[in-house]
Amino acid sequence: MPRIPKTPTLAVTDPILLWLLIHGGDPAPDERTARLSASLAIQSLATHLSAGAAREVRATVGKEIAAAARAFEQG
């Protein structure tokens, strides 16, 4: 009987990593979507950092999310 590879625990607990494992990191359909998706992914992953580091990342990523959202408005 073939050995079944063990799924890493992180893949089960981290929805972004799980999505990447399932979909293979398919590229976004355009640059604006890619920019916004990457920013949101970074913001989500920052929740696992220490409080100080997460606060610093959130401040920077918040600006990037706002800029990416404005790019959608300008369309």
N, C-alpha and C. Protein backbone atom coordinates (compact mmCIF):
# COMPACT_ATOMS: atom_id res chain seq x y z
N MET A 1 0.85 -1.17 0.00
CA MET A 1 0.00 0.00 0.00
C MET A 1 0.90 1.24 0.00
N PRO A 2 0.64 2.22 -0.91
CA PRO A 2 1.48 3.41 -0.97
C PRO A 2 1.31 4.27 0.27
N ARG A 3 2.40 4.91 0.63
CA ARG A 3 2.39 5.79 1.81
C ARG A 3 1.70 7.11 1.44
N ILE A 4 0.79 7.55 2.27
CA ILE A 4 0.09 8.82 2.05
C ILE A 4 0.87 9.92 2.75
N PRO A 5 1.26 10.99 2.00
CA PRO A 5 2.02 12.06 2.65
C PRO A 5 1.19 12.77 3.71
N LYS A 6 1.86 13.13 4.80
CA LYS A 6 1.19 13.83 5.89
C LYS A 6 0.98 15.29 5.51
N THR A 7 -0.22 15.80 5.70
CA THR A 7 -0.52 17.20 5.45
C THR A 7 0.05 18.04 6.59
N PRO A 8 0.86 19.06 6.25
CA PRO A 8 1.39 19.92 7.32
C PRO A 8 0.25 20.59 8.10
N THR A 9 0.40 20.66 9.41
CA THR A 9 -0.61 21.28 10.26
C THR A 9 -0.86 22.72 9.83
N LEU A 10 0.21 23.43 9.43
CA LEU A 10 0.06 24.82 9.02
C LEU A 10 -0.88 24.94 7.83
N ALA A 11 -0.87 23.95 6.93
CA ALA A 11 -1.75 23.99 5.76
C ALA A 11 -3.21 23.91 6.15
N VAL A 12 -3.48 23.28 7.25
CA VAL A 12 -4.86 23.16 7.71
C VAL A 12 -5.30 24.41 8.46
N THR A 13 -4.38 25.04 9.18
CA THR A 13 -4.74 26.19 10.01
C THR A 13 -4.59 27.53 9.29
N ASP A 14 -3.87 27.58 8.18
CA ASP A 14 -3.63 28.83 7.46
C ASP A 14 -4.41 28.79 6.14
N PRO A 15 -5.52 29.52 6.04
CA PRO A 15 -6.35 29.42 4.84
C PRO A 15 -5.65 29.88 3.56
N ILE A 16 -4.74 30.84 3.65
CA ILE A 16 -4.03 31.30 2.46
C ILE A 16 -3.09 30.23 1.96
N LEU A 17 -2.34 29.61 2.87
CA LEU A 17 -1.45 28.53 2.47
C LEU A 17 -2.24 27.37 1.90
N LEU A 18 -3.35 27.05 2.50
CA LEU A 18 -4.20 25.97 2.00
C LEU A 18 -4.68 26.28 0.59
N TRP A 19 -5.11 27.51 0.35
CA TRP A 19 -5.56 27.90 -0.99
C TRP A 19 -4.42 27.76 -1.99
N LEU A 20 -3.22 28.21 -1.62
CA LEU A 20 -2.07 28.09 -2.52
C LEU A 20 -1.75 26.63 -2.82
N LEU A 21 -1.85 25.76 -1.81
CA LEU A 21 -1.58 24.35 -2.05
C LEU A 21 -2.62 23.73 -2.98
N ILE A 22 -3.87 24.15 -2.84
CA ILE A 22 -4.93 23.60 -3.69
C ILE A 22 -4.84 24.14 -5.12
N HIS A 23 -4.67 25.43 -5.25
CA HIS A 23 -4.73 26.06 -6.57
C HIS A 23 -3.37 26.28 -7.22
N GLY A 24 -2.32 26.02 -6.52
CA GLY A 24 -0.99 26.17 -7.10
C GLY A 24 -0.56 27.60 -7.31
N GLY A 25 -1.18 28.52 -6.62
CA GLY A 25 -0.77 29.91 -6.74
C GLY A 25 -1.11 30.51 -8.09
N ASP A 26 -2.27 30.17 -8.63
CA ASP A 26 -2.69 30.74 -9.92
C ASP A 26 -2.55 32.26 -9.87
N PRO A 27 -2.02 32.85 -10.95
CA PRO A 27 -1.86 34.30 -10.94
C PRO A 27 -3.20 35.02 -11.00
N ALA A 28 -3.21 36.22 -10.47
CA ALA A 28 -4.42 37.04 -10.53
C ALA A 28 -4.67 37.45 -11.98
N PRO A 29 -5.92 37.76 -12.32
CA PRO A 29 -6.24 38.10 -13.71
C PRO A 29 -5.63 39.41 -14.20
N ASP A 30 -5.31 40.32 -13.29
CA ASP A 30 -4.69 41.59 -13.70
C ASP A 30 -3.83 42.12 -12.55
N GLU A 31 -3.07 43.17 -12.85
CA GLU A 31 -2.13 43.72 -11.87
C GLU A 31 -2.83 44.34 -10.66
N ARG A 32 -3.96 45.00 -10.89
CA ARG A 32 -4.68 45.62 -9.76
C ARG A 32 -5.17 44.57 -8.78
N THR A 33 -5.72 43.49 -9.31
CA THR A 33 -6.21 42.41 -8.45
C THR A 33 -5.05 41.74 -7.72
N ALA A 34 -3.94 41.54 -8.40
CA ALA A 34 -2.77 40.93 -7.78
C ALA A 34 -2.26 41.80 -6.63
N ARG A 35 -2.21 43.09 -6.86
CA ARG A 35 -1.73 44.02 -5.82
C ARG A 35 -2.62 43.98 -4.59
N LEU A 36 -3.92 44.04 -4.80
CA LEU A 36 -4.86 44.01 -3.68
C LEU A 36 -4.84 42.67 -2.98
N SER A 37 -4.80 41.58 -3.73
CA SER A 37 -4.77 40.24 -3.14
C SER A 37 -3.51 40.03 -2.30
N ALA A 38 -2.37 40.46 -2.83
CA ALA A 38 -1.12 40.30 -2.09
C ALA A 38 -1.16 41.11 -0.79
N SER A 39 -1.68 42.32 -0.86
CA SER A 39 -1.77 43.16 0.35
C SER A 39 -2.67 42.53 1.40
N LEU A 40 -3.81 42.01 0.97
CA LEU A 40 -4.74 41.38 1.91
C LEU A 40 -4.13 40.10 2.50
N ALA A 41 -3.38 39.36 1.69
CA ALA A 41 -2.73 38.15 2.18
C ALA A 41 -1.68 38.49 3.24
N ILE A 42 -0.90 39.52 2.98
CA ILE A 42 0.12 39.94 3.95
C ILE A 42 -0.54 40.40 5.24
N GLN A 43 -1.63 41.16 5.11
CA GLN A 43 -2.34 41.61 6.31
C GLN A 43 -2.86 40.42 7.12
N SER A 44 -3.39 39.44 6.45
CA SER A 44 -3.92 38.26 7.13
C SER A 44 -2.80 37.48 7.82
N LEU A 45 -1.70 37.30 7.13
CA LEU A 45 -0.59 36.54 7.71
C LEU A 45 0.08 37.28 8.86
N ALA A 46 -0.03 38.59 8.88
CA ALA A 46 0.59 39.38 9.95
C ALA A 46 -0.05 39.13 11.30
N THR A 47 -1.23 38.57 11.32
CA THR A 47 -1.89 38.31 12.61
C THR A 47 -1.12 37.29 13.45
N HIS A 48 -0.25 36.53 12.81
CA HIS A 48 0.53 35.52 13.53
C HIS A 48 1.84 36.08 14.09
N LEU A 49 2.12 37.35 13.84
CA LEU A 49 3.35 37.98 14.34
C LEU A 49 3.14 38.51 15.75
N SER A 50 4.23 38.93 16.35
CA SER A 50 4.13 39.57 17.67
C SER A 50 3.33 40.86 17.51
N ALA A 51 2.84 41.37 18.63
CA ALA A 51 1.97 42.56 18.60
C ALA A 51 2.66 43.75 17.93
N GLY A 52 3.91 44.01 18.28
CA GLY A 52 4.64 45.15 17.71
C GLY A 52 4.88 44.99 16.21
N ALA A 53 5.29 43.80 15.80
CA ALA A 53 5.54 43.55 14.39
C ALA A 53 4.25 43.61 13.59
N ALA A 54 3.18 43.04 14.14
CA ALA A 54 1.88 43.06 13.45
C ALA A 54 1.39 44.48 13.26
N ARG A 55 1.58 45.32 14.29
CA ARG A 55 1.16 46.72 14.22
C ARG A 55 1.92 47.44 13.10
N GLU A 56 3.22 47.18 13.00
CA GLU A 56 4.05 47.81 11.97
C GLU A 56 3.62 47.36 10.56
N VAL A 57 3.38 46.07 10.42
CA VAL A 57 2.96 45.54 9.12
C VAL A 57 1.59 46.10 8.75
N ARG A 58 0.67 46.12 9.71
CA ARG A 58 -0.68 46.64 9.43
C ARG A 58 -0.64 48.09 8.95
N ALA A 59 0.24 48.90 9.54
CA ALA A 59 0.32 50.30 9.13
C ALA A 59 0.78 50.42 7.68
N THR A 60 1.79 49.66 7.32
CA THR A 60 2.31 49.71 5.95
C THR A 60 1.33 49.09 4.97
N VAL A 61 0.80 47.94 5.32
CA VAL A 61 -0.12 47.24 4.42
C VAL A 61 -1.43 48.01 4.27
N GLY A 62 -1.86 48.68 5.31
CA GLY A 62 -3.08 49.48 5.22
C GLY A 62 -2.97 50.55 4.14
N LYS A 63 -1.80 51.17 4.05
CA LYS A 63 -1.57 52.17 3.00
C LYS A 63 -1.61 51.52 1.62
N GLU A 64 -1.01 50.35 1.51
CA GLU A 64 -0.99 49.64 0.22
C GLU A 64 -2.39 49.20 -0.18
N ILE A 65 -3.19 48.73 0.76
CA ILE A 65 -4.56 48.33 0.46
C ILE A 65 -5.36 49.54 -0.02
N ALA A 66 -5.18 50.67 0.64
CA ALA A 66 -5.89 51.89 0.23
C ALA A 66 -5.46 52.31 -1.17
N ALA A 67 -4.17 52.24 -1.47
CA ALA A 67 -3.69 52.61 -2.80
C ALA A 67 -4.21 51.65 -3.87
N ALA A 68 -4.22 50.36 -3.54
CA ALA A 68 -4.73 49.36 -4.49
C ALA A 68 -6.23 49.56 -4.73
N ALA A 69 -6.96 49.91 -3.68
CA ALA A 69 -8.40 50.16 -3.83
C ALA A 69 -8.65 51.39 -4.70
N ARG A 70 -7.81 52.42 -4.51
CA ARG A 70 -7.94 53.62 -5.36
C ARG A 70 -7.67 53.28 -6.83
N ALA A 71 -6.73 52.37 -7.09
CA ALA A 71 -6.43 51.97 -8.46
C ALA A 71 -7.67 51.33 -9.10
N PHE A 72 -8.46 50.60 -8.32
CA PHE A 72 -9.71 50.02 -8.84
C PHE A 72 -10.71 51.13 -9.18
N GLU A 73 -10.79 52.15 -8.33
CA GLU A 73 -11.73 53.24 -8.56
C GLU A 73 -11.38 54.00 -9.83
N GLN A 74 -10.07 54.17 -10.07
CA GLN A 74 -9.62 54.93 -11.24
C GLN A 74 -9.76 54.10 -12.51
N GLY A 75 -9.81 52.79 -12.33
CA GLY A 75 -10.10 51.81 -13.31
C GLY A 75 -9.53 51.75 -14.59
